[in-house]
Amino acid sequence: FQLYYNRTWIWKDGAGYFAAKGRDFKAWSG
């Protein structure tokens, strides 16, 4: 949890955000 909460994992062609609030996940690619 500490590694990811309220952080964005930047990918080669996109990104995914791990929100602390509600554990929402949003991402895009390509």
PDB file of all heavy atoms in Angstrom:
ATOM      1  N   PHE A   1       0.834  -1.200   0.000  1.00  0.00           N
ATOM      2  CA  PHE A   1       0.000   0.000   0.000  1.00  0.00           C
ATOM      3  C   PHE A   1       0.871   1.253   0.000  1.00  0.00           C
ATOM      4  O   PHE A   1       0.638   2.194  -0.767  1.00  0.00           O
ATOM      5  CB  PHE A   1      -0.938  -0.017   1.211  1.00  0.00           C
ATOM      6  CG  PHE A   1      -1.813   1.191   1.313  1.00  0.00           C
ATOM      7  CD1 PHE A   1      -2.970   1.294   0.564  1.00  0.00           C
ATOM      8  CD2 PHE A   1      -1.479   2.233   2.174  1.00  0.00           C
ATOM      9  CE1 PHE A   1      -3.789   2.425   0.657  1.00  0.00           C
ATOM     10  CE2 PHE A   1      -2.290   3.363   2.278  1.00  0.00           C
ATOM     11  CZ  PHE A   1      -3.441   3.456   1.516  1.00  0.00           C
ATOM     12  N   GLN A   2       1.908   1.273   0.841  1.00  0.00           N
ATOM     13  CA  GLN A   2       2.793   2.437   0.941  1.00  0.00           C
ATOM     14  C   GLN A   2       3.555   2.702  -0.364  1.00  0.00           C
ATOM     15  O   GLN A   2       3.896   3.847  -0.655  1.00  0.00           O
ATOM     16  CB  GLN A   2       3.777   2.262   2.101  1.00  0.00           C
ATOM     17  CG  GLN A   2       3.136   2.283   3.474  1.00  0.00           C
ATOM     18  CD  GLN A   2       2.461   3.598   3.798  1.00  0.00           C
ATOM     19  OE1 GLN A   2       2.914   4.669   3.421  1.00  0.00           O
ATOM     20  NE2 GLN A   2       1.344   3.521   4.503  1.00  0.00           N
ATOM     21  N   LEU A   3       3.811   1.656  -1.135  1.00  0.00           N
ATOM     22  CA  LEU A   3       4.513   1.829  -2.415  1.00  0.00           C
ATOM     23  C   LEU A   3       3.666   2.570  -3.456  1.00  0.00           C
ATOM     24  O   LEU A   3       4.204   3.262  -4.317  1.00  0.00           O
ATOM     25  CB  LEU A   3       4.915   0.475  -3.007  1.00  0.00           C
ATOM     26  CG  LEU A   3       6.056  -0.279  -2.357  1.00  0.00           C
ATOM     27  CD1 LEU A   3       6.186  -1.668  -2.969  1.00  0.00           C
ATOM     28  CD2 LEU A   3       7.369   0.492  -2.509  1.00  0.00           C
ATOM     29  N   TYR A   4       2.334   2.408  -3.400  1.00  0.00           N
ATOM     30  CA  TYR A   4       1.491   2.868  -4.497  1.00  0.00           C
ATOM     31  C   TYR A   4       0.474   3.955  -4.171  1.00  0.00           C
ATOM     32  O   TYR A   4       0.067   4.675  -5.091  1.00  0.00           O
ATOM     33  CB  TYR A   4       0.734   1.670  -5.100  1.00  0.00           C
ATOM     34  CG  TYR A   4       1.650   0.703  -5.782  1.00  0.00           C
ATOM     35  CD1 TYR A   4       2.123  -0.429  -5.126  1.00  0.00           C
ATOM     36  CD2 TYR A   4       2.065   0.911  -7.096  1.00  0.00           C
ATOM     37  CE1 TYR A   4       2.979  -1.320  -5.743  1.00  0.00           C
ATOM     38  CE2 TYR A   4       2.921   0.023  -7.723  1.00  0.00           C
ATOM     39  CZ  TYR A   4       3.377  -1.087  -7.041  1.00  0.00           C
ATOM     40  OH  TYR A   4       4.223  -1.964  -7.657  1.00  0.00           O
ATOM     41  N   TYR A   5       0.025   4.075  -2.935  1.00  0.00           N
ATOM     42  CA  TYR A   5      -1.120   4.956  -2.688  1.00  0.00           C
ATOM     43  C   TYR A   5      -0.806   6.408  -3.054  1.00  0.00           C
ATOM     44  O   TYR A   5       0.270   6.916  -2.762  1.00  0.00           O
ATOM     45  CB  TYR A   5      -1.632   4.829  -1.252  1.00  0.00           C
ATOM     46  CG  TYR A   5      -0.941   5.705  -0.236  1.00  0.00           C
ATOM     47  CD1 TYR A   5      -1.551   6.876   0.204  1.00  0.00           C
ATOM     48  CD2 TYR A   5       0.301   5.369   0.265  1.00  0.00           C
ATOM     49  CE1 TYR A   5      -0.926   7.683   1.136  1.00  0.00           C
ATOM     50  CE2 TYR A   5       0.940   6.160   1.195  1.00  0.00           C
ATOM     51  CZ  TYR A   5       0.317   7.320   1.625  1.00  0.00           C
ATOM     52  OH  TYR A   5       0.938   8.121   2.532  1.00  0.00           O
ATOM     53  N   ASN A   6      -1.771   7.038  -3.729  1.00  0.00           N
ATOM     54  CA  ASN A   6      -1.655   8.418  -4.233  1.00  0.00           C
ATOM     55  C   ASN A   6      -0.426   8.612  -5.117  1.00  0.00           C
ATOM     56  O   ASN A   6       0.190   9.674  -5.114  1.00  0.00           O
ATOM     57  CB  ASN A   6      -1.659   9.436  -3.086  1.00  0.00           C
ATOM     58  CG  ASN A   6      -3.054   9.782  -2.655  1.00  0.00           C
ATOM     59  OD1 ASN A   6      -4.023   9.571  -3.393  1.00  0.00           O
ATOM     60  ND2 ASN A   6      -3.196  10.309  -1.460  1.00  0.00           N
ATOM     61  N   ARG A   7      -0.102   7.570  -5.879  1.00  0.00           N
ATOM     62  CA  ARG A   7       1.025   7.638  -6.807  1.00  0.00           C
ATOM     63  C   ARG A   7       0.575   7.209  -8.199  1.00  0.00           C
ATOM     64  O   ARG A   7      -0.405   6.495  -8.361  1.00  0.00           O
ATOM     65  CB  ARG A   7       2.161   6.734  -6.333  1.00  0.00           C
ATOM     66  CG  ARG A   7       2.895   7.268  -5.132  1.00  0.00           C
ATOM     67  CD  ARG A   7       3.986   6.286  -4.694  1.00  0.00           C
ATOM     68  NE  ARG A   7       4.962   6.864  -3.828  1.00  0.00           N
ATOM     69  CZ  ARG A   7       4.774   7.182  -2.553  1.00  0.00           C
ATOM     70  NH1 ARG A   7       3.597   7.010  -2.018  1.00  0.00           N
ATOM     71  NH2 ARG A   7       5.744   7.678  -1.834  1.00  0.00           N
ATOM     72  N   THR A   8       1.352   7.634  -9.182  1.00  0.00           N
ATOM     73  CA  THR A   8       1.115   7.268 -10.574  1.00  0.00           C
ATOM     74  C   THR A   8       2.280   6.422 -11.055  1.00  0.00           C
ATOM     75  O   THR A   8       3.438   6.790 -10.867  1.00  0.00           O
ATOM     76  CB  THR A   8       1.010   8.526 -11.467  1.00  0.00           C
ATOM     77  OG1 THR A   8      -0.059   9.347 -10.984  1.00  0.00           O
ATOM     78  CG2 THR A   8       0.755   8.150 -12.914  1.00  0.00           C
ATOM     79  N   TRP A   9       1.965   5.297 -11.687  1.00  0.00           N
ATOM     80  CA  TRP A   9       2.980   4.460 -12.320  1.00  0.00           C
ATOM     81  C   TRP A   9       3.002   4.877 -13.781  1.00  0.00           C
ATOM     82  O   TRP A   9       2.041   4.676 -14.521  1.00  0.00           O
ATOM     83  CB  TRP A   9       2.604   2.999 -12.165  1.00  0.00           C
ATOM     84  CG  TRP A   9       3.673   2.013 -12.527  1.00  0.00           C
ATOM     85  CD1 TRP A   9       4.883   2.239 -13.106  1.00  0.00           C
ATOM     86  CD2 TRP A   9       3.603   0.599 -12.319  1.00  0.00           C
ATOM     87  NE1 TRP A   9       5.584   1.073 -13.263  1.00  0.00           N
ATOM     88  CE2 TRP A   9       4.807   0.048 -12.788  1.00  0.00           C
ATOM     89  CE3 TRP A   9       2.637  -0.243 -11.783  1.00  0.00           C
ATOM     90  CZ2 TRP A   9       5.068  -1.322 -12.745  1.00  0.00           C
ATOM     91  CZ3 TRP A   9       2.901  -1.597 -11.740  1.00  0.00           C
ATOM     92  CH2 TRP A   9       4.103  -2.130 -12.214  1.00  0.00           C
ATOM     93  N   ILE A  10       4.103   5.502 -14.196  1.00  0.00           N
ATOM     94  CA  ILE A  10       4.268   5.978 -15.570  1.00  0.00           C
ATOM     95  C   ILE A  10       4.764   4.803 -16.420  1.00  0.00           C
ATOM     96  O   ILE A  10       5.795   4.207 -16.106  1.00  0.00           O
ATOM     97  CB  ILE A  10       5.300   7.128 -15.641  1.00  0.00           C
ATOM     98  CG1 ILE A  10       4.999   8.202 -14.610  1.00  0.00           C
ATOM     99  CG2 ILE A  10       5.396   7.657 -17.071  1.00  0.00           C
ATOM    100  CD1 ILE A  10       3.886   9.141 -14.911  1.00  0.00           C
ATOM    101  N   TRP A  11       4.029   4.485 -17.472  1.00  0.00           N
ATOM    102  CA  TRP A  11       4.394   3.391 -18.368  1.00  0.00           C
ATOM    103  C   TRP A  11       5.021   3.943 -19.636  1.00  0.00           C
ATOM    104  O   TRP A  11       5.012   5.157 -19.860  1.00  0.00           O
ATOM    105  CB  TRP A  11       3.166   2.543 -18.696  1.00  0.00           C
ATOM    106  CG  TRP A  11       2.462   2.012 -17.496  1.00  0.00           C
ATOM    107  CD1 TRP A  11       3.037   1.533 -16.352  1.00  0.00           C
ATOM    108  CD2 TRP A  11       1.054   1.906 -17.294  1.00  0.00           C
ATOM    109  NE1 TRP A  11       2.073   1.124 -15.456  1.00  0.00           N
ATOM    110  CE2 TRP A  11       0.843   1.345 -16.013  1.00  0.00           C
ATOM    111  CE3 TRP A  11      -0.055   2.225 -18.074  1.00  0.00           C
ATOM    112  CZ2 TRP A  11      -0.433   1.097 -15.501  1.00  0.00           C
ATOM    113  CZ3 TRP A  11      -1.314   1.983 -17.563  1.00  0.00           C
ATOM    114  CH2 TRP A  11      -1.497   1.414 -16.295  1.00  0.00           C
ATOM    115  N   LYS A  12       5.519   3.065 -20.477  1.00  0.00           N
ATOM    116  CA  LYS A  12       6.152   3.482 -21.731  1.00  0.00           C
ATOM    117  C   LYS A  12       5.189   4.339 -22.549  1.00  0.00           C
ATOM    118  O   LYS A  12       5.575   5.347 -23.122  1.00  0.00           O
ATOM    119  CB  LYS A  12       6.594   2.252 -22.527  1.00  0.00           C
ATOM    120  CG  LYS A  12       7.266   2.588 -23.825  1.00  0.00           C
ATOM    121  CD  LYS A  12       7.690   1.336 -24.567  1.00  0.00           C
ATOM    122  CE  LYS A  12       8.294   1.700 -25.901  1.00  0.00           C
ATOM    123  NZ  LYS A  12       8.638   0.528 -26.685  1.00  0.00           N
ATOM    124  N   ASP A  13       3.927   3.941 -22.602  1.00  0.00           N
ATOM    125  CA  ASP A  13       2.950   4.650 -23.425  1.00  0.00           C
ATOM    126  C   ASP A  13       1.642   4.812 -22.654  1.00  0.00           C
ATOM    127  O   ASP A  13       0.584   4.377 -23.096  1.00  0.00           O
ATOM    128  CB  ASP A  13       2.728   3.878 -24.731  1.00  0.00           C
ATOM    129  CG  ASP A  13       2.032   4.705 -25.788  1.00  0.00           C
ATOM    130  OD1 ASP A  13       1.921   5.933 -25.616  1.00  0.00           O
ATOM    131  OD2 ASP A  13       1.581   4.126 -26.783  1.00  0.00           O
ATOM    132  N   GLY A  14       1.726   5.419 -21.457  1.00  0.00           N
ATOM    133  CA  GLY A  14       0.535   5.616 -20.648  1.00  0.00           C
ATOM    134  C   GLY A  14       0.893   5.743 -19.183  1.00  0.00           C
ATOM    135  O   GLY A  14       2.056   5.935 -18.821  1.00  0.00           O
ATOM    136  N   ALA A  15      -0.139   5.611 -18.329  1.00  0.00           N
ATOM    137  CA  ALA A  15       0.080   5.740 -16.897  1.00  0.00           C
ATOM    138  C   ALA A  15      -1.138   5.222 -16.145  1.00  0.00           C
ATOM    139  O   ALA A  15      -2.251   5.214 -16.685  1.00  0.00           O
ATOM    140  CB  ALA A  15       0.336   7.198 -16.524  1.00  0.00           C
ATOM    141  N   GLY A  16      -0.926   4.808 -14.895  1.00  0.00           N
ATOM    142  CA  GLY A  16      -2.013   4.384 -14.023  1.00  0.00           C
ATOM    143  C   GLY A  16      -1.886   5.061 -12.675  1.00  0.00           C
ATOM    144  O   GLY A  16      -0.799   5.105 -12.098  1.00  0.00           O
ATOM    145  N   TYR A  17      -2.999   5.612 -12.176  1.00  0.00           N
ATOM    146  CA  TYR A  17      -3.009   6.334 -10.903  1.00  0.00           C
ATOM    147  C   TYR A  17      -3.747   5.525  -9.842  1.00  0.00           C
ATOM    148  O   TYR A  17      -4.860   5.060 -10.063  1.00  0.00           O
ATOM    149  CB  TYR A  17      -3.676   7.693 -11.071  1.00  0.00           C
ATOM    150  CG  TYR A  17      -3.799   8.478  -9.785  1.00  0.00           C
ATOM    151  CD1 TYR A  17      -2.676   8.783  -9.017  1.00  0.00           C
ATOM    152  CD2 TYR A  17      -5.034   8.935  -9.353  1.00  0.00           C
ATOM    153  CE1 TYR A  17      -2.791   9.496  -7.830  1.00  0.00           C
ATOM    154  CE2 TYR A  17      -5.159   9.659  -8.177  1.00  0.00           C
ATOM    155  CZ  TYR A  17      -4.032   9.938  -7.423  1.00  0.00           C
ATOM    156  OH  TYR A  17      -4.149  10.645  -6.261  1.00  0.00           O
ATOM    157  N   PHE A  18      -3.115   5.371  -8.685  1.00  0.00           N
ATOM    158  CA  PHE A  18      -3.641   4.606  -7.562  1.00  0.00           C
ATOM    159  C   PHE A  18      -4.066   5.593  -6.465  1.00  0.00           C
ATOM    160  O   PHE A  18      -3.271   5.931  -5.584  1.00  0.00           O
ATOM    161  CB  PHE A  18      -2.574   3.645  -7.031  1.00  0.00           C
ATOM    162  CG  PHE A  18      -2.067   2.693  -8.071  1.00  0.00           C
ATOM    163  CD1 PHE A  18      -1.007   3.037  -8.906  1.00  0.00           C
ATOM    164  CD2 PHE A  18      -2.653   1.452  -8.231  1.00  0.00           C
ATOM    165  CE1 PHE A  18      -0.552   2.154  -9.876  1.00  0.00           C
ATOM    166  CE2 PHE A  18      -2.202   0.562  -9.196  1.00  0.00           C
ATOM    167  CZ  PHE A  18      -1.154   0.918 -10.020  1.00  0.00           C
ATOM    168  N   ALA A  19      -5.297   6.072  -6.530  1.00  0.00           N
ATOM    169  CA  ALA A  19      -5.788   7.060  -5.570  1.00  0.00           C
ATOM    170  C   ALA A  19      -6.015   6.411  -4.210  1.00  0.00           C
ATOM    171  O   ALA A  19      -6.486   5.276  -4.125  1.00  0.00           O
ATOM    172  CB  ALA A  19      -7.087   7.676  -6.079  1.00  0.00           C
ATOM    173  N   ALA A  20      -5.703   7.146  -3.146  1.00  0.00           N
ATOM    174  CA  ALA A  20      -5.989   6.655  -1.797  1.00  0.00           C
ATOM    175  C   ALA A  20      -7.490   6.710  -1.536  1.00  0.00           C
ATOM    176  O   ALA A  20      -8.062   5.785  -0.965  1.00  0.00           O
ATOM    177  CB  ALA A  20      -5.231   7.475  -0.759  1.00  0.00           C
ATOM    178  N   LYS A  21      -8.129   7.788  -1.978  1.00  0.00           N
ATOM    179  CA  LYS A  21      -9.569   7.962  -1.755  1.00  0.00           C
ATOM    180  C   LYS A  21     -10.353   6.918  -2.553  1.00  0.00           C
ATOM    181  O   LYS A  21     -10.292   6.884  -3.788  1.00  0.00           O
ATOM    182  CB  LYS A  21     -10.008   9.362  -2.168  1.00  0.00           C
ATOM    183  CG  LYS A  21     -11.454   9.637  -1.853  1.00  0.00           C
ATOM    184  CD  LYS A  21     -11.841  11.046  -2.218  1.00  0.00           C
ATOM    185  CE  LYS A  21     -13.307  11.262  -1.872  1.00  0.00           C
ATOM    186  NZ  LYS A  21     -13.736  12.589  -2.269  1.00  0.00           N
ATOM    187  N   GLY A  22     -11.047   6.050  -1.832  1.00  0.00           N
ATOM    188  CA  GLY A  22     -11.877   5.033  -2.472  1.00  0.00           C
ATOM    189  C   GLY A  22     -11.094   3.966  -3.215  1.00  0.00           C
ATOM    190  O   GLY A  22     -11.678   3.136  -3.890  1.00  0.00           O
ATOM    191  N   ARG A  23      -9.761   4.022  -3.121  1.00  0.00           N
ATOM    192  CA  ARG A  23      -8.906   3.098  -3.867  1.00  0.00           C
ATOM    193  C   ARG A  23      -9.238   3.106  -5.358  1.00  0.00           C
ATOM    194  O   ARG A  23      -9.195   2.088  -6.046  1.00  0.00           O
ATOM    195  CB  ARG A  23      -8.993   1.677  -3.325  1.00  0.00           C
ATOM    196  CG  ARG A  23      -8.570   1.507  -1.887  1.00  0.00           C
ATOM    197  CD  ARG A  23      -7.075   1.319  -1.758  1.00  0.00           C
ATOM    198  NE  ARG A  23      -6.689   1.163  -0.382  1.00  0.00           N
ATOM    199  CZ  ARG A  23      -6.383  -0.002   0.183  1.00  0.00           C
ATOM    200  NH1 ARG A  23      -6.401  -1.092  -0.506  1.00  0.00           N
ATOM    201  NH2 ARG A  23      -6.047  -0.042   1.451  1.00  0.00           N
ATOM    202  N   ASP A  24      -9.585   4.298  -5.879  1.00  0.00           N
ATOM    203  CA  ASP A  24      -9.885   4.435  -7.308  1.00  0.00           C
ATOM    204  C   ASP A  24      -8.638   4.216  -8.136  1.00  0.00           C
ATOM    205  O   ASP A  24      -7.526   4.589  -7.742  1.00  0.00           O
ATOM    206  CB  ASP A  24     -10.453   5.822  -7.608  1.00  0.00           C
ATOM    207  CG  ASP A  24     -11.843   6.033  -7.065  1.00  0.00           C
ATOM    208  OD1 ASP A  24     -12.559   5.033  -6.832  1.00  0.00           O
ATOM    209  OD2 ASP A  24     -12.224   7.204  -6.861  1.00  0.00           O
ATOM    210  N   PHE A  25      -8.824   3.611  -9.299  1.00  0.00           N
ATOM    211  CA  PHE A  25      -7.751   3.388 -10.259  1.00  0.00           C
ATOM    212  C   PHE A  25      -8.193   3.964 -11.596  1.00  0.00           C
ATOM    213  O   PHE A  25      -9.290   3.677 -12.060  1.00  0.00           O
ATOM    214  CB  PHE A  25      -7.460   1.886 -10.401  1.00  0.00           C
ATOM    215  CG  PHE A  25      -6.457   1.569 -11.472  1.00  0.00           C
ATOM    216  CD1 PHE A  25      -5.104   1.765 -11.258  1.00  0.00           C
ATOM    217  CD2 PHE A  25      -6.872   1.083 -12.702  1.00  0.00           C
ATOM    218  CE1 PHE A  25      -4.179   1.486 -12.248  1.00  0.00           C
ATOM    219  CE2 PHE A  25      -5.954   0.790 -13.699  1.00  0.00           C
ATOM    220  CZ  PHE A  25      -4.601   0.994 -13.474  1.00  0.00           C
ATOM    221  N   LYS A  26      -7.339   4.794 -12.196  1.00  0.00           N
ATOM    222  CA  LYS A  26      -7.576   5.341 -13.532  1.00  0.00           C
ATOM    223  C   LYS A  26      -6.300   5.173 -14.328  1.00  0.00           C
ATOM    224  O   LYS A  26      -5.205   5.383 -13.805  1.00  0.00           O
ATOM    225  CB  LYS A  26      -7.906   6.833 -13.486  1.00  0.00           C
ATOM    226  CG  LYS A  26      -9.290   7.161 -13.053  1.00  0.00           C
ATOM    227  CD  LYS A  26      -9.510   8.662 -13.185  1.00  0.00           C
ATOM    228  CE  LYS A  26     -10.885   9.047 -12.724  1.00  0.00           C
ATOM    229  NZ  LYS A  26     -11.066  10.502 -12.750  1.00  0.00           N
ATOM    230  N   ALA A  27      -6.459   4.809 -15.594  1.00  0.00           N
ATOM    231  CA  ALA A  27      -5.276   4.605 -16.423  1.00  0.00           C
ATOM    232  C   ALA A  27      -5.604   4.881 -17.877  1.00  0.00           C
ATOM    233  O   ALA A  27      -6.761   4.882 -18.296  1.00  0.00           O
ATOM    234  CB  ALA A  27      -4.767   3.174 -16.271  1.00  0.00           C
ATOM    235  N   TRP A  28      -4.551   5.084 -18.646  1.00  0.00           N
ATOM    236  CA  TRP A  28      -4.683   5.201 -20.093  1.00  0.00           C
ATOM    237  C   TRP A  28      -3.451   4.568 -20.709  1.00  0.00           C
ATOM    238  O   TRP A  28      -2.403   4.433 -20.072  1.00  0.00           O
ATOM    239  CB  TRP A  28      -4.846   6.652 -20.527  1.00  0.00           C
ATOM    240  CG  TRP A  28      -3.618   7.496 -20.294  1.00  0.00           C
ATOM    241  CD1 TRP A  28      -3.253   8.104 -19.136  1.00  0.00           C
ATOM    242  CD2 TRP A  28      -2.598   7.775 -21.235  1.00  0.00           C
ATOM    243  NE1 TRP A  28      -2.061   8.747 -19.296  1.00  0.00           N
ATOM    244  CE2 TRP A  28      -1.642   8.577 -20.580  1.00  0.00           C
ATOM    245  CE3 TRP A  28      -2.388   7.446 -22.575  1.00  0.00           C
ATOM    246  CZ2 TRP A  28      -0.498   9.043 -21.215  1.00  0.00           C
ATOM    247  CZ3 TRP A  28      -1.256   7.917 -23.200  1.00  0.00           C
ATOM    248  CH2 TRP A  28      -0.323   8.707 -22.526  1.00  0.00           C
ATOM    249  N   SER A  29      -3.582   4.183 -21.949  1.00  0.00           N
ATOM    250  CA  SER A  29      -2.470   3.552 -22.643  1.00  0.00           C
ATOM    251  C   SER A  29      -2.606   3.799 -24.139  1.00  0.00           C
ATOM    252  O   SER A  29      -3.698   3.725 -24.688  1.00  0.00           O
ATOM    253  CB  SER A  29      -2.475   2.047 -22.373  1.00  0.00           C
ATOM    254  OG  SER A  29      -1.410   1.417 -23.035  1.00  0.00           O
ATOM    255  N   GLY A  30      -1.494   4.083 -24.782  1.00  0.00           N
ATOM    256  CA  GLY A  30      -1.447   4.147 -26.233  1.00  0.00           C
ATOM    257  C   GLY A  30      -1.990   5.401 -26.860  1.00  0.00           C
ATOM    258  O   GLY A  30      -3.178   5.634 -26.831  1.00  0.00           O
TER     259      GLY A  30
END
